[in-house]
Amino acid sequence: MKNSIEQSIIDLNGEEASKASLLKFMGNVLILSTMETVAEVNILSEKCGLGINNMKKLLMDQMFPRQLHVIYN
């Protein structure tokens, strides 16, 4: 059964219970590293004089439309 706060279920049936926490930790690392990368690129584009809006256009329209980087930008 899926709740309104979850997107999907990864069945770890037959695995040790600690594997679920490890998988969640890995997901959190991916989210945080994505957020950090987007922030660093925005800072770099601002410092180089390109501006955040141009980086946003590149990120959202050209490279990763409707992808994780866009969500965290």
Protein backbone atom coordinates (compact mmCIF):
# COMPACT_ATOMS: atom_id res chain seq x y z
CA MET A 1 0.00 0.00 0.00
CA LYS A 2 1.32 3.45 -0.94
CA ASN A 3 0.72 6.59 1.09
CA SER A 4 0.47 10.09 -0.29
CA ILE A 5 4.00 10.94 0.88
CA GLU A 6 5.86 8.18 -0.94
CA GLN A 7 6.58 7.78 -4.62
CA SER A 8 7.28 4.07 -4.70
CA ILE A 9 8.28 1.08 -2.63
CA ILE A 10 11.59 -0.73 -2.96
CA ASP A 11 11.05 -4.27 -1.74
CA LEU A 12 13.93 -5.36 0.48
CA ASN A 13 12.16 -8.51 1.58
CA GLY A 14 14.71 -11.11 2.58
CA GLU A 15 17.41 -8.53 3.32
CA GLU A 16 18.71 -7.50 6.72
CA ALA A 17 16.64 -4.69 8.28
CA SER A 18 19.71 -2.42 8.35
CA LYS A 19 19.79 -2.43 4.53
CA ALA A 20 16.71 -0.16 4.45
CA SER A 21 18.49 2.50 6.49
CA LEU A 22 21.57 2.19 4.31
CA LEU A 23 19.50 2.63 1.14
CA LYS A 24 17.77 5.70 2.62
CA PHE A 25 21.15 7.15 3.55
CA MET A 26 22.40 6.68 -0.02
CA GLY A 27 19.31 8.44 -1.37
CA ASN A 28 19.90 11.34 1.00
CA VAL A 29 23.53 11.58 -0.17
CA LEU A 30 22.34 11.82 -3.77
CA ILE A 31 19.87 14.58 -2.91
CA LEU A 32 22.38 16.60 -0.88
CA SER A 33 25.16 16.28 -3.46
CA THR A 34 22.75 17.38 -6.19
CA MET A 35 21.69 20.40 -4.15
CA GLU A 36 25.32 21.31 -3.49
CA THR A 37 26.27 20.98 -7.16
CA VAL A 38 23.39 23.20 -8.29
CA ALA A 39 24.29 25.81 -5.66
CA GLU A 40 27.96 25.83 -6.67
CA VAL A 41 27.13 26.19 -10.37
CA ASN A 42 24.76 29.08 -9.60
CA ILE A 43 27.48 30.82 -7.60
CA LEU A 44 30.00 30.26 -10.39
CA SER A 45 27.64 31.64 -13.03
CA GLU A 46 26.98 34.69 -10.87
CA LYS A 47 30.70 35.32 -10.26
CA CYS A 48 31.50 34.93 -13.98
CA GLY A 49 28.87 37.49 -14.89
CA LEU A 50 26.52 35.03 -16.62
CA GLY A 51 23.82 35.42 -14.00
CA ILE A 52 21.64 32.86 -12.32
CA ASN A 53 18.84 33.25 -14.86
CA ASN A 54 21.08 32.13 -17.73
CA MET A 55 22.26 29.14 -15.72
CA LYS A 56 18.65 28.33 -14.87
CA LYS A 57 17.74 28.40 -18.58
CA LEU A 58 20.63 26.07 -19.40
CA LEU A 59 19.78 23.73 -16.55
CA MET A 60 16.02 23.67 -17.01
CA ASP A 61 15.58 24.03 -20.76
CA GLN A 62 18.65 22.42 -22.26
CA MET A 63 20.36 19.92 -20.01
CA PHE A 64 17.91 18.48 -17.51
CA PRO A 65 14.30 19.37 -18.28
CA ARG A 66 12.02 18.00 -15.55
CA GLN A 67 14.91 16.26 -13.82
CA LEU A 68 16.23 16.21 -10.28
CA HIS A 69 18.60 19.16 -10.78
CA VAL A 70 15.70 21.36 -11.85
CA ILE A 71 13.62 20.44 -8.81
CA TYR A 72 16.42 21.41 -6.43
CA ASN A 73 17.27 24.59 -8.30
